[in-house]
Amino acid sequence: MSASGGTKAIVAALAANLAIAVAKFVAFLFSGSSSMLAESVHSLADSGNQALLLLGGKKAKREATPQHPFGYGRERYIYAFLVSIVLFSVGGMFAVYEGYEKIKHPHPIEDWYWPIGVLVFAIIAETFSFRTAIKESNAIRGGQSWKEFVRRAKAPELPVVLLEDLGALVGLFLALGGVGVALLTGDGVWDGIGTLCIGVLLIVIAIVLAAETKSLLLGESAGIEQVKQIEEAVVDGETVTRLIHMRTLHLGPEELLVAAKIAVRHDETATEVAHAINAAEERIRAAVPIARVIYLEPDVYSESAAAAGVNPAKSPGGPSTPDH
């Protein structure tokens, strides 16, 4: 993900959510609609989430230190995980509680034009934010489906904004439905039901975000295509004859660690091996520019030792041939 693309989507979402949060809260004060209160808290939580993403992106740019020799790239994953917690607690659980209270103690909606007008404005603003996130995501999504993009993206910002904006739009239509039915029937319970549905929706989205971000925090390997590119780049057939096994790990969205054992000819001198390793590193960085930390261990490949060994399961970033 380009940093500019992610930042553009976050800023667009932040501007939309701040304006919507103020408008929804004003509508709540005039109408007493619980859907409006839940939605205003939801938009305020989303605004805080976008601020967290911006802060995480800034902190991730810090230079490496002796205590953190691989840098701070994973700060972006930590702040994205915090977003899921805020969305679950401040957004989802509050809406569920407010919906339950409104169903238990219903009261009619006053000044109906306030919530209806604000919801229409919010839908327009959220559509603009969602459109920006889709546009920025399409620039890097390639042939992936939206589900694959959310699950496989190494940069968390765009998937987070996409899911937040989608949840916000669906939540607005739920609020519009709850308020509309409450006005038509004169029964405030429907407003509470709409609020309750908004809370359940936010909790589901928060759980999805937490699960995907947890995987990034634990450490994910490079994508399948990047692994293939590295495997092709490391072997030149002359000094490096084979890739024995390899591991990759994302240190951040745009920084990849590559550790591999490579086969060199048994009669090469130490100087020739050193030149071969340096050349292999250059080829890897040319093929996959985000491979910034590379450790290559030279070895002499033995067909008999490999045949006698156990062939480990292949996986992205995993061993290509048995070790020995």
C-alpha atoms as a PDB file:
ATOM      1  CA  MET A   1       0.000   0.000   0.000  1.00  0.00           C
ATOM      2  CA  SER A   2       1.279   3.433  -0.858  1.00  0.00           C
ATOM      3  CA  ALA A   3       1.526   5.576   2.227  1.00  0.00           C
ATOM      4  CA  SER A   4      -0.045   8.514   0.384  1.00  0.00           C
ATOM      5  CA  GLY A   5      -3.010   6.403  -0.708  1.00  0.00           C
ATOM      6  CA  GLY A   6      -3.691   5.152   2.796  1.00  0.00           C
ATOM      7  CA  THR A   7      -3.304   8.618   4.306  1.00  0.00           C
ATOM      8  CA  LYS A   8      -5.672  10.133   1.750  1.00  0.00           C
ATOM      9  CA  ALA A   9      -8.371   7.583   2.585  1.00  0.00           C
ATOM     10  CA  ILE A  10      -7.881   8.111   6.346  1.00  0.00           C
ATOM     11  CA  VAL A  11      -8.081  11.924   6.088  1.00  0.00           C
ATOM     12  CA  ALA A  12     -11.223  11.706   3.928  1.00  0.00           C
ATOM     13  CA  ALA A  13     -12.843   9.378   6.473  1.00  0.00           C
ATOM     14  CA  LEU A  14     -11.769  11.588   9.398  1.00  0.00           C
ATOM     15  CA  ALA A  15     -13.222  14.750   7.837  1.00  0.00           C
ATOM     16  CA  ALA A  16     -16.499  13.008   7.008  1.00  0.00           C
ATOM     17  CA  ASN A  17     -16.879  11.404  10.437  1.00  0.00           C
ATOM     18  CA  LEU A  18     -16.186  14.593  12.390  1.00  0.00           C
ATOM     19  CA  ALA A  19     -18.827  16.511  10.417  1.00  0.00           C
ATOM     20  CA  ILE A  20     -21.305  13.632  10.715  1.00  0.00           C
ATOM     21  CA  ALA A  21     -20.710  13.171  14.472  1.00  0.00           C
ATOM     22  CA  VAL A  22     -21.574  16.833  15.171  1.00  0.00           C
ATOM     23  CA  ALA A  23     -24.663  16.706  12.956  1.00  0.00           C
ATOM     24  CA  LYS A  24     -25.930  13.457  14.522  1.00  0.00           C
ATOM     25  CA  PHE A  25     -25.473  14.744  18.056  1.00  0.00           C
ATOM     26  CA  VAL A  26     -27.406  17.915  17.254  1.00  0.00           C
ATOM     27  CA  ALA A  27     -30.174  15.738  15.770  1.00  0.00           C
ATOM     28  CA  PHE A  28     -30.224  13.648  18.957  1.00  0.00           C
ATOM     29  CA  LEU A  29     -30.589  16.750  21.141  1.00  0.00           C
ATOM     30  CA  PHE A  30     -33.597  17.960  19.149  1.00  0.00           C
ATOM     31  CA  SER A  31     -35.293  14.609  18.505  1.00  0.00           C
ATOM     32  CA  GLY A  32     -34.336  12.362  21.431  1.00  0.00           C
ATOM     33  CA  SER A  33     -33.693   9.488  18.982  1.00  0.00           C
ATOM     34  CA  SER A  34     -31.520   6.718  20.464  1.00  0.00           C
ATOM     35  CA  SER A  35     -30.444   5.758  16.948  1.00  0.00           C
ATOM     36  CA  MET A  36     -29.060   9.269  16.548  1.00  0.00           C
ATOM     37  CA  LEU A  37     -27.177   9.024  19.859  1.00  0.00           C
ATOM     38  CA  ALA A  38     -25.725   5.621  18.931  1.00  0.00           C
ATOM     39  CA  GLU A  39     -24.765   6.875  15.497  1.00  0.00           C
ATOM     40  CA  SER A  40     -23.151  10.039  16.884  1.00  0.00           C
ATOM     41  CA  VAL A  41     -21.035   7.942  19.284  1.00  0.00           C
ATOM     42  CA  HIS A  42     -20.244   5.585  16.381  1.00  0.00           C
ATOM     43  CA  SER A  43     -19.019   8.486  14.215  1.00  0.00           C
ATOM     44  CA  LEU A  44     -17.035   9.929  17.120  1.00  0.00           C
ATOM     45  CA  ALA A  45     -15.408   6.526  17.692  1.00  0.00           C
ATOM     46  CA  ASP A  46     -14.608   6.279  13.976  1.00  0.00           C
ATOM     47  CA  SER A  47     -12.980   9.721  14.103  1.00  0.00           C
ATOM     48  CA  GLY A  48     -10.825   8.572  17.009  1.00  0.00           C
ATOM     49  CA  ASN A  49      -9.956   5.442  15.048  1.00  0.00           C
ATOM     50  CA  GLN A  50      -8.741   7.457  12.071  1.00  0.00           C
ATOM     51  CA  ALA A  51      -6.643   9.581  14.435  1.00  0.00           C
ATOM     52  CA  LEU A  52      -5.132   6.349  15.831  1.00  0.00           C
ATOM     53  CA  LEU A  53      -4.258   5.153  12.314  1.00  0.00           C
ATOM     54  CA  LEU A  54      -2.549   8.460  11.513  1.00  0.00           C
ATOM     55  CA  LEU A  55      -0.630   8.327  14.800  1.00  0.00           C
ATOM     56  CA  GLY A  56       0.436   4.738  14.145  1.00  0.00           C
ATOM     57  CA  GLY A  57       1.691   5.677  10.679  1.00  0.00           C
ATOM     58  CA  LYS A  58       3.745   8.530  12.135  1.00  0.00           C
ATOM     59  CA  LYS A  59       5.276   6.410  14.902  1.00  0.00           C
ATOM     60  CA  ALA A  60       6.131   3.616  12.452  1.00  0.00           C
ATOM     61  CA  LYS A  61       8.513   5.967  10.612  1.00  0.00           C
ATOM     62  CA  ARG A  62      10.917   6.235  13.555  1.00  0.00           C
ATOM     63  CA  GLU A  63      14.470   5.073  12.970  1.00  0.00           C
ATOM     64  CA  ALA A  64      15.654   1.736  14.345  1.00  0.00           C
ATOM     65  CA  THR A  65      17.353   1.747  17.748  1.00  0.00           C
ATOM     66  CA  PRO A  66      19.598  -0.768  19.573  1.00  0.00           C
ATOM     67  CA  GLN A  67      16.526  -1.855  21.564  1.00  0.00           C
ATOM     68  CA  HIS A  68      14.438  -2.159  18.389  1.00  0.00           C
ATOM     69  CA  PRO A  69      16.969  -3.059  15.678  1.00  0.00           C
ATOM     70  CA  PHE A  70      14.303  -3.887  13.084  1.00  0.00           C
ATOM     71  CA  GLY A  71      12.548  -0.547  13.481  1.00  0.00           C
ATOM     72  CA  TYR A  72       8.982   0.333  14.410  1.00  0.00           C
ATOM     73  CA  GLY A  73       7.051  -0.775  11.333  1.00  0.00           C
ATOM     74  CA  ARG A  74       4.672  -2.914  13.384  1.00  0.00           C
ATOM     75  CA  GLU A  75       3.378   0.167  15.206  1.00  0.00           C
ATOM     76  CA  ARG A  76       0.829   0.375  12.388  1.00  0.00           C
ATOM     77  CA  TYR A  77      -0.479  -3.088  13.268  1.00  0.00           C
ATOM     78  CA  ILE A  78      -0.738  -2.225  16.962  1.00  0.00           C
ATOM     79  CA  TYR A  79      -2.774   0.916  16.327  1.00  0.00           C
ATOM     80  CA  ALA A  80      -5.001  -0.926  13.852  1.00  0.00           C
ATOM     81  CA  PHE A  81      -5.688  -3.498  16.588  1.00  0.00           C
ATOM     82  CA  LEU A  82      -6.563  -0.665  18.972  1.00  0.00           C
ATOM     83  CA  VAL A  83      -9.084   0.512  16.380  1.00  0.00           C
ATOM     84  CA  SER A  84     -10.898  -2.826  16.592  1.00  0.00           C
ATOM     85  CA  ILE A  85     -11.034  -2.528  20.403  1.00  0.00           C
ATOM     86  CA  VAL A  86     -12.459   1.008  20.238  1.00  0.00           C
ATOM     87  CA  LEU A  87     -14.991  -0.024  17.610  1.00  0.00           C
ATOM     88  CA  PHE A  88     -16.095  -2.987  19.739  1.00  0.00           C
ATOM     89  CA  SER A  89     -16.349  -1.153  23.058  1.00  0.00           C
ATOM     90  CA  VAL A  90     -17.170   2.494  22.356  1.00  0.00           C
ATOM     91  CA  GLY A  91     -19.178   1.825  19.193  1.00  0.00           C
ATOM     92  CA  GLY A  92     -20.719  -1.631  19.380  1.00  0.00           C
ATOM     93  CA  MET A  93     -21.308  -2.205  23.091  1.00  0.00           C
ATOM     94  CA  PHE A  94     -22.604   1.331  23.654  1.00  0.00           C
ATOM     95  CA  ALA A  95     -25.100   0.961  20.792  1.00  0.00           C
ATOM     96  CA  VAL A  96     -26.299  -2.410  22.136  1.00  0.00           C
ATOM     97  CA  TYR A  97     -26.804  -0.906  25.591  1.00  0.00           C
ATOM     98  CA  GLU A  98     -28.585   2.172  24.224  1.00  0.00           C
ATOM     99  CA  GLY A  99     -30.809   0.018  22.013  1.00  0.00           C
ATOM    100  CA  TYR A 100     -31.759  -2.212  24.936  1.00  0.00           C
ATOM    101  CA  GLU A 101     -32.645   0.804  27.088  1.00  0.00           C
ATOM    102  CA  LYS A 102     -34.772   2.329  24.316  1.00  0.00           C
ATOM    103  CA  ILE A 103     -36.657  -0.949  23.790  1.00  0.00           C
ATOM    104  CA  LYS A 104     -37.206  -1.257  27.545  1.00  0.00           C
ATOM    105  CA  HIS A 105     -38.244   2.397  27.944  1.00  0.00           C
ATOM    106  CA  PRO A 106     -39.511   3.614  24.549  1.00  0.00           C
ATOM    107  CA  HIS A 107     -40.493   7.201  23.877  1.00  0.00           C
ATOM    108  CA  PRO A 108     -41.616   8.882  20.657  1.00  0.00           C
ATOM    109  CA  ILE A 109     -39.260  10.772  18.363  1.00  0.00           C
ATOM    110  CA  GLU A 110     -39.687  14.540  18.360  1.00  0.00           C
ATOM    111  CA  ASP A 111     -38.921  16.955  15.522  1.00  0.00           C
ATOM    112  CA  TRP A 112     -38.622  14.103  12.980  1.00  0.00           C
ATOM    113  CA  TYR A 113     -37.027  16.310  10.312  1.00  0.00           C
ATOM    114  CA  TRP A 114     -33.786  16.557  12.329  1.00  0.00           C
ATOM    115  CA  PRO A 115     -32.860  12.844  12.343  1.00  0.00           C
ATOM    116  CA  ILE A 116     -34.116  12.285   8.792  1.00  0.00           C
ATOM    117  CA  GLY A 117     -32.193  15.275   7.426  1.00  0.00           C
ATOM    118  CA  VAL A 118     -29.001  14.390   9.280  1.00  0.00           C
ATOM    119  CA  LEU A 119     -29.155  10.743   8.188  1.00  0.00           C
ATOM    120  CA  VAL A 120     -29.492  11.760   4.539  1.00  0.00           C
ATOM    121  CA  PHE A 121     -26.520  14.151   4.925  1.00  0.00           C
ATOM    122  CA  ALA A 122     -24.504  11.439   6.684  1.00  0.00           C
ATOM    123  CA  ILE A 123     -25.194   8.890   3.943  1.00  0.00           C
ATOM    124  CA  ILE A 124     -23.923  11.353   1.332  1.00  0.00           C
ATOM    125  CA  ALA A 125     -20.776  12.152   3.347  1.00  0.00           C
ATOM    126  CA  GLU A 126     -20.042   8.492   4.144  1.00  0.00           C
ATOM    127  CA  THR A 127     -20.533   7.580   0.494  1.00  0.00           C
ATOM    128  CA  PHE A 128     -17.848  10.126  -0.431  1.00  0.00           C
ATOM    129  CA  SER A 129     -15.467   8.649   2.170  1.00  0.00           C
ATOM    130  CA  PHE A 130     -16.248   5.068   1.082  1.00  0.00           C
ATOM    131  CA  ARG A 131     -15.708   5.996  -2.563  1.00  0.00           C
ATOM    132  CA  THR A 132     -12.280   7.443  -1.722  1.00  0.00           C
ATOM    133  CA  ALA A 133     -11.290   4.268   0.148  1.00  0.00           C
ATOM    134  CA  ILE A 134     -12.457   2.078  -2.766  1.00  0.00           C
ATOM    135  CA  LYS A 135     -10.528   4.199  -5.272  1.00  0.00           C
ATOM    136  CA  GLU A 136      -7.296   4.025  -3.254  1.00  0.00           C
ATOM    137  CA  SER A 137      -7.736   0.289  -2.672  1.00  0.00           C
ATOM    138  CA  ASN A 138      -8.353  -0.429  -6.363  1.00  0.00           C
ATOM    139  CA  ALA A 139      -4.978   1.139  -7.150  1.00  0.00           C
ATOM    140  CA  ILE A 140      -3.215  -1.727  -5.317  1.00  0.00           C
ATOM    141  CA  ARG A 141      -5.822  -4.499  -5.139  1.00  0.00           C
ATOM    142  CA  GLY A 142      -4.970  -5.994  -8.526  1.00  0.00           C
ATOM    143  CA  GLY A 143      -6.992  -9.103  -9.348  1.00  0.00           C
ATOM    144  CA  GLN A 144      -7.870  -9.902  -5.750  1.00  0.00           C
ATOM    145  CA  SER A 145     -11.463 -10.050  -4.609  1.00  0.00           C
ATOM    146  CA  TRP A 146     -12.468  -7.654  -1.850  1.00  0.00           C
ATOM    147  CA  LYS A 147     -12.474 -10.505   0.648  1.00  0.00           C
ATOM    148  CA  GLU A 148      -8.945 -11.537  -0.394  1.00  0.00           C
ATOM    149  CA  PHE A 149      -7.769  -7.923  -0.254  1.00  0.00           C
ATOM    150  CA  VAL A 150      -8.984  -7.462   3.329  1.00  0.00           C
ATOM    151  CA  ARG A 151      -7.498 -10.798   4.419  1.00  0.00           C
ATOM    152  CA  ARG A 152      -4.128 -10.542   2.629  1.00  0.00           C
ATOM    153  CA  ALA A 153      -3.298  -6.841   2.802  1.00  0.00           C
ATOM    154  CA  LYS A 154      -0.107  -6.259   4.783  1.00  0.00           C
ATOM    155  CA  ALA A 155      -0.896  -2.579   5.303  1.00  0.00           C
ATOM    156  CA  PRO A 156      -3.852  -2.348   7.699  1.00  0.00           C
ATOM    157  CA  GLU A 157      -5.082   1.183   7.005  1.00  0.00           C
ATOM    158  CA  LEU A 158      -7.137   0.687   3.848  1.00  0.00           C
ATOM    159  CA  PRO A 159      -8.898  -2.518   4.990  1.00  0.00           C
ATOM    160  CA  VAL A 160      -9.737  -0.808   8.304  1.00  0.00           C
ATOM    161  CA  VAL A 161     -11.166   2.289   6.593  1.00  0.00           C
ATOM    162  CA  LEU A 162     -13.065   0.139   4.080  1.00  0.00           C
ATOM    163  CA  LEU A 163     -14.743  -1.931   6.778  1.00  0.00           C
ATOM    164  CA  GLU A 164     -15.454   1.117   8.933  1.00  0.00           C
ATOM    165  CA  ASP A 165     -17.043   3.006   6.042  1.00  0.00           C
ATOM    166  CA  LEU A 166     -19.049  -0.039   4.987  1.00  0.00           C
ATOM    167  CA  GLY A 167     -20.252  -0.503   8.559  1.00  0.00           C
ATOM    168  CA  ALA A 168     -21.078   3.192   8.803  1.00  0.00           C
ATOM    169  CA  LEU A 169     -23.181   3.136   5.622  1.00  0.00           C
ATOM    170  CA  VAL A 170     -25.074  -0.007   6.627  1.00  0.00           C
ATOM    171  CA  GLY A 171     -25.543   1.455  10.120  1.00  0.00           C
ATOM    172  CA  LEU A 172     -26.981   4.666   8.676  1.00  0.00           C
ATOM    173  CA  PHE A 173     -29.551   2.747   6.662  1.00  0.00           C
ATOM    174  CA  LEU A 174     -30.422   0.725   9.770  1.00  0.00           C
ATOM    175  CA  ALA A 175     -30.856   3.966  11.713  1.00  0.00           C
ATOM    176  CA  LEU A 176     -32.948   5.428   8.890  1.00  0.00           C
ATOM    177  CA  GLY A 177     -35.125   2.326   8.915  1.00  0.00           C
ATOM    178  CA  GLY A 178     -35.535   2.361  12.691  1.00  0.00           C
ATOM    179  CA  VAL A 179     -36.374   6.067  12.799  1.00  0.00           C
ATOM    180  CA  GLY A 180     -38.695   5.797   9.800  1.00  0.00           C
ATOM    181  CA  VAL A 181     -40.721   2.887  11.201  1.00  0.00           C
ATOM    182  CA  ALA A 182     -40.835   4.577  14.621  1.00  0.00           C
ATOM    183  CA  LEU A 183     -42.278   7.726  13.011  1.00  0.00           C
ATOM    184  CA  LEU A 184     -44.813   5.792  10.921  1.00  0.00           C
ATOM    185  CA  THR A 185     -46.056   3.666  13.827  1.00  0.00           C
ATOM    186  CA  GLY A 186     -45.557   6.145  16.629  1.00  0.00           C
ATOM    187  CA  ASP A 187     -43.770   3.382  18.555  1.00  0.00           C
ATOM    188  CA  GLY A 188     -40.285   4.299  19.823  1.00  0.00           C
ATOM    189  CA  VAL A 189     -39.403   0.605  20.221  1.00  0.00           C
ATOM    190  CA  TRP A 190     -38.473   0.498  16.526  1.00  0.00           C
ATOM    191  CA  ASP A 191     -35.894   3.212  17.122  1.00  0.00           C
ATOM    192  CA  GLY A 192     -34.368   0.993  19.813  1.00  0.00           C
ATOM    193  CA  ILE A 193     -34.405  -2.033  17.497  1.00  0.00           C
ATOM    194  CA  GLY A 194     -32.532  -0.041  14.867  1.00  0.00           C
ATOM    195  CA  THR A 195     -29.981   1.008  17.491  1.00  0.00           C
ATOM    196  CA  LEU A 196     -29.559  -2.591  18.638  1.00  0.00           C
ATOM    197  CA  CYS A 197     -28.929  -3.733  15.049  1.00  0.00           C
ATOM    198  CA  ILE A 198     -26.269  -1.022  14.663  1.00  0.00           C
ATOM    199  CA  GLY A 199     -24.502  -2.307  17.780  1.00  0.00           C
ATOM    200  CA  VAL A 200     -24.484  -5.914  16.569  1.00  0.00           C
ATOM    201  CA  LEU A 201     -23.133  -4.786  13.178  1.00  0.00           C
ATOM    202  CA  LEU A 202     -20.269  -2.838  14.788  1.00  0.00           C
ATOM    203  CA  ILE A 203     -19.346  -5.747  17.050  1.00  0.00           C
ATOM    204  CA  VAL A 204     -19.148  -8.113  14.050  1.00  0.00           C
ATOM    205  CA  ILE A 205     -16.920  -5.688  12.114  1.00  0.00           C
ATOM    206  CA  ALA A 206     -14.708  -5.169  15.188  1.00  0.00           C
ATOM    207  CA  ILE A 207     -14.228  -8.932  15.563  1.00  0.00           C
ATOM    208  CA  VAL A 208     -13.258  -9.282  11.880  1.00  0.00           C
ATOM    209  CA  LEU A 209     -10.751  -6.418  12.199  1.00  0.00           C
ATOM    210  CA  ALA A 210      -9.280  -7.864  15.400  1.00  0.00           C
ATOM    211  CA  ALA A 211      -8.821 -11.304  13.810  1.00  0.00           C
ATOM    212  CA  GLU A 212      -7.093  -9.945  10.699  1.00  0.00           C
ATOM    213  CA  THR A 213      -4.871  -7.533  12.640  1.00  0.00           C
ATOM    214  CA  LYS A 214      -3.913 -10.242  15.128  1.00  0.00           C
ATOM    215  CA  SER A 215      -2.466 -12.269  12.247  1.00  0.00           C
ATOM    216  CA  LEU A 216      -0.323  -9.294  11.205  1.00  0.00           C
ATOM    217  CA  LEU A 217       0.836  -8.753  14.789  1.00  0.00           C
ATOM    218  CA  LEU A 218       1.903 -12.387  15.103  1.00  0.00           C
ATOM    219  CA  GLY A 219       3.962 -12.031  11.926  1.00  0.00           C
ATOM    220  CA  GLU A 220       3.025 -12.933   8.357  1.00  0.00           C
ATOM    221  CA  SER A 221       5.251 -14.128   5.553  1.00  0.00           C
ATOM    222  CA  ALA A 222       5.569 -12.447   2.180  1.00  0.00           C
ATOM    223  CA  GLY A 223       2.804 -12.982  -0.348  1.00  0.00           C
ATOM    224  CA  ILE A 224       2.920 -15.967  -2.703  1.00  0.00           C
ATOM    225  CA  GLU A 225       3.979 -13.854  -5.687  1.00  0.00           C
ATOM    226  CA  GLN A 226       6.755 -12.146  -3.725  1.00  0.00           C
ATOM    227  CA  VAL A 227       8.055 -15.520  -2.504  1.00  0.00           C
ATOM    228  CA  LYS A 228       8.246 -16.746  -6.119  1.00  0.00           C
ATOM    229  CA  GLN A 229      10.083 -13.574  -7.170  1.00  0.00           C
ATOM    230  CA  ILE A 230      12.629 -13.991  -4.375  1.00  0.00           C
ATOM    231  CA  GLU A 231      13.154 -17.675  -5.193  1.00  0.00           C
ATOM    232  CA  GLU A 232      13.791 -16.828  -8.842  1.00  0.00           C
ATOM    233  CA  ALA A 233      16.109 -13.934  -7.995  1.00  0.00           C
ATOM    234  CA  VAL A 234      18.336 -15.680  -5.470  1.00  0.00           C
ATOM    235  CA  VAL A 235      19.578 -18.438  -7.826  1.00  0.00           C
ATOM    236  CA  ASP A 236      21.823 -17.448 -10.734  1.00  0.00           C
ATOM    237  CA  GLY A 237      22.911 -20.991 -11.706  1.00  0.00           C
ATOM    238  CA  GLU A 238      26.603 -20.108 -11.538  1.00  0.00           C
ATOM    239  CA  THR A 239      27.667 -19.152  -8.018  1.00  0.00           C
ATOM    240  CA  VAL A 240      24.328 -19.792  -6.288  1.00  0.00           C
ATOM    241  CA  THR A 241      23.083 -23.119  -7.611  1.00  0.00           C
ATOM    242  CA  ARG A 242      20.045 -23.770  -5.416  1.00  0.00           C
ATOM    243  CA  LEU A 243      17.781 -22.362  -2.734  1.00  0.00           C
ATOM    244  CA  ILE A 244      17.824 -24.916   0.080  1.00  0.00           C
ATOM    245  CA  HIS A 245      15.215 -23.265   2.292  1.00  0.00           C
ATOM    246  CA  MET A 246      13.870 -19.804   3.062  1.00  0.00           C
ATOM    247  CA  ARG A 247      11.820 -17.899   5.614  1.00  0.00           C
ATOM    248  CA  THR A 248      10.239 -14.456   5.149  1.00  0.00           C
ATOM    249  CA  LEU A 249       8.610 -12.153   7.689  1.00  0.00           C
ATOM    250  CA  HIS A 250       6.948  -8.746   7.441  1.00  0.00           C
ATOM    251  CA  LEU A 251       8.624  -6.338   9.864  1.00  0.00           C
ATOM    252  CA  GLY A 252       6.053  -3.783   8.761  1.00  0.00           C
ATOM    253  CA  PRO A 253       3.754  -3.224   5.780  1.00  0.00           C
ATOM    254  CA  GLU A 254       6.626  -2.042   3.582  1.00  0.00           C
ATOM    255  CA  GLU A 255       9.585  -3.893   5.112  1.00  0.00           C
ATOM    256  CA  LEU A 256      10.357  -7.562   4.614  1.00  0.00           C
ATOM    257  CA  LEU A 257      12.930  -9.807   6.301  1.00  0.00           C
ATOM    258  CA  VAL A 258      14.365 -12.626   4.185  1.00  0.00           C
ATOM    259  CA  ALA A 259      16.461 -15.432   5.713  1.00  0.00           C
ATOM    260  CA  ALA A 260      17.634 -18.244   3.464  1.00  0.00           C
ATOM    261  CA  LYS A 261      20.166 -21.028   3.135  1.00  0.00           C
ATOM    262  CA  ILE A 262      21.653 -21.123  -0.360  1.00  0.00           C
ATOM    263  CA  ALA A 263      23.792 -23.710  -2.096  1.00  0.00           C
ATOM    264  CA  VAL A 264      27.179 -22.625  -3.494  1.00  0.00           C
ATOM    265  CA  ARG A 265      29.824 -24.678  -5.304  1.00  0.00           C
ATOM    266  CA  HIS A 266      32.141 -26.608  -2.990  1.00  0.00           C
ATOM    267  CA  ASP A 267      35.313 -25.369  -4.677  1.00  0.00           C
ATOM    268  CA  GLU A 268      34.597 -21.635  -4.348  1.00  0.00           C
ATOM    269  CA  THR A 269      36.815 -19.462  -2.195  1.00  0.00           C
ATOM    270  CA  ALA A 270      35.552 -17.364   0.697  1.00  0.00           C
ATOM    271  CA  THR A 271      35.877 -14.246  -1.444  1.00  0.00           C
ATOM    272  CA  GLU A 272      33.820 -15.800  -4.239  1.00  0.00           C
ATOM    273  CA  VAL A 273      31.124 -16.888  -1.777  1.00  0.00           C
ATOM    274  CA  ALA A 274      30.980 -13.382  -0.285  1.00  0.00           C
ATOM    275  CA  HIS A 275      30.592 -11.861  -3.764  1.00  0.00           C
ATOM    276  CA  ALA A 276      27.897 -14.426  -4.584  1.00  0.00           C
ATOM    277  CA  ILE A 277      25.927 -13.512  -1.445  1.00  0.00           C
ATOM    278  CA  ASN A 278      26.181  -9.781  -2.160  1.00  0.00           C
ATOM    279  CA  ALA A 279      25.051 -10.323  -5.747  1.00  0.00           C
ATOM    280  CA  ALA A 280      22.124 -12.469  -4.593  1.00  0.00           C
ATOM    281  CA  GLU A 281      21.053  -9.759  -2.144  1.00  0.00           C
ATOM    282  CA  GLU A 282      21.102  -7.180  -4.924  1.00  0.00           C
ATOM    283  CA  ARG A 283      18.959  -9.410  -7.153  1.00  0.00           C
ATOM    284  CA  ILE A 284      16.450  -9.976  -4.352  1.00  0.00           C
ATOM    285  CA  ARG A 285      16.142  -6.244  -3.619  1.00  0.00           C
ATOM    286  CA  ALA A 286      15.720  -5.501  -7.321  1.00  0.00           C
ATOM    287  CA  ALA A 287      12.935  -8.099  -7.609  1.00  0.00           C
ATOM    288  CA  VAL A 288      11.206  -7.216  -4.304  1.00  0.00           C
ATOM    289  CA  PRO A 289      12.191  -3.686  -3.161  1.00  0.00           C
ATOM    290  CA  ILE A 290      10.566  -4.079   0.276  1.00  0.00           C
ATOM    291  CA  ALA A 291      13.039  -6.906   1.091  1.00  0.00           C
ATOM    292  CA  ARG A 292      15.277  -4.616   3.142  1.00  0.00           C
ATOM    293  CA  VAL A 293      16.701  -7.041   5.723  1.00  0.00           C
ATOM    294  CA  ILE A 294      18.326 -10.082   4.098  1.00  0.00           C
ATOM    295  CA  TYR A 295      20.376 -12.860   5.704  1.00  0.00           C
ATOM    296  CA  LEU A 296      21.839 -15.506   3.392  1.00  0.00           C
ATOM    297  CA  GLU A 297      23.710 -18.540   4.733  1.00  0.00           C
ATOM    298  CA  PRO A 298      25.932 -20.389   2.222  1.00  0.00           C
ATOM    299  CA  ASP A 299      26.052 -24.192   2.229  1.00  0.00           C
ATOM    300  CA  VAL A 300      27.062 -27.071  -0.018  1.00  0.00           C
ATOM    301  CA  TYR A 301      24.055 -28.975  -1.308  1.00  0.00           C
ATOM    302  CA  SER A 302      24.157 -32.760  -1.060  1.00  0.00           C
ATOM    303  CA  GLU A 303      21.724 -34.843  -3.113  1.00  0.00           C
ATOM    304  CA  SER A 304      22.192 -37.873  -0.856  1.00  0.00           C
ATOM    305  CA  ALA A 305      21.645 -35.874   2.333  1.00  0.00           C
ATOM    306  CA  ALA A 306      18.563 -34.239   0.852  1.00  0.00           C
ATOM    307  CA  ALA A 307      17.171 -37.604  -0.257  1.00  0.00           C
ATOM    308  CA  ALA A 308      17.625 -38.975   3.253  1.00  0.00           C
ATOM    309  CA  GLY A 309      15.999 -35.972   4.931  1.00  0.00           C
ATOM    310  CA  VAL A 310      12.361 -35.258   5.636  1.00  0.00           C
ATOM    311  CA  ASN A 311      10.690 -33.002   3.096  1.00  0.00           C
ATOM    312  CA  PRO A 312       8.915 -30.269   5.110  1.00  0.00           C
ATOM    313  CA  ALA A 313       5.561 -28.923   3.990  1.00  0.00           C
ATOM    314  CA  LYS A 314       5.801 -26.065   1.579  1.00  0.00           C
ATOM    315  CA  SER A 315       4.210 -22.772   2.519  1.00  0.00           C
ATOM    316  CA  PRO A 316       4.564 -19.120   1.452  1.00  0.00           C
ATOM    317  CA  GLY A 317       7.941 -18.012   2.718  1.00  0.00           C
ATOM    318  CA  GLY A 318       8.724 -21.559   3.828  1.00  0.00           C
ATOM    319  CA  PRO A 319      11.298 -24.098   2.664  1.00  0.00           C
ATOM    320  CA  SER A 320      11.448 -24.956  -1.000  1.00  0.00           C
ATOM    321  CA  THR A 321      13.630 -28.068  -0.608  1.00  0.00           C
ATOM    322  CA  PRO A 322      14.721 -30.157   2.378  1.00  0.00           C
ATOM    323  CA  ASP A 323      17.513 -28.928   4.600  1.00  0.00           C
ATOM    324  CA  HIS A 324      20.505 -31.138   5.345  1.00  0.00           C
END
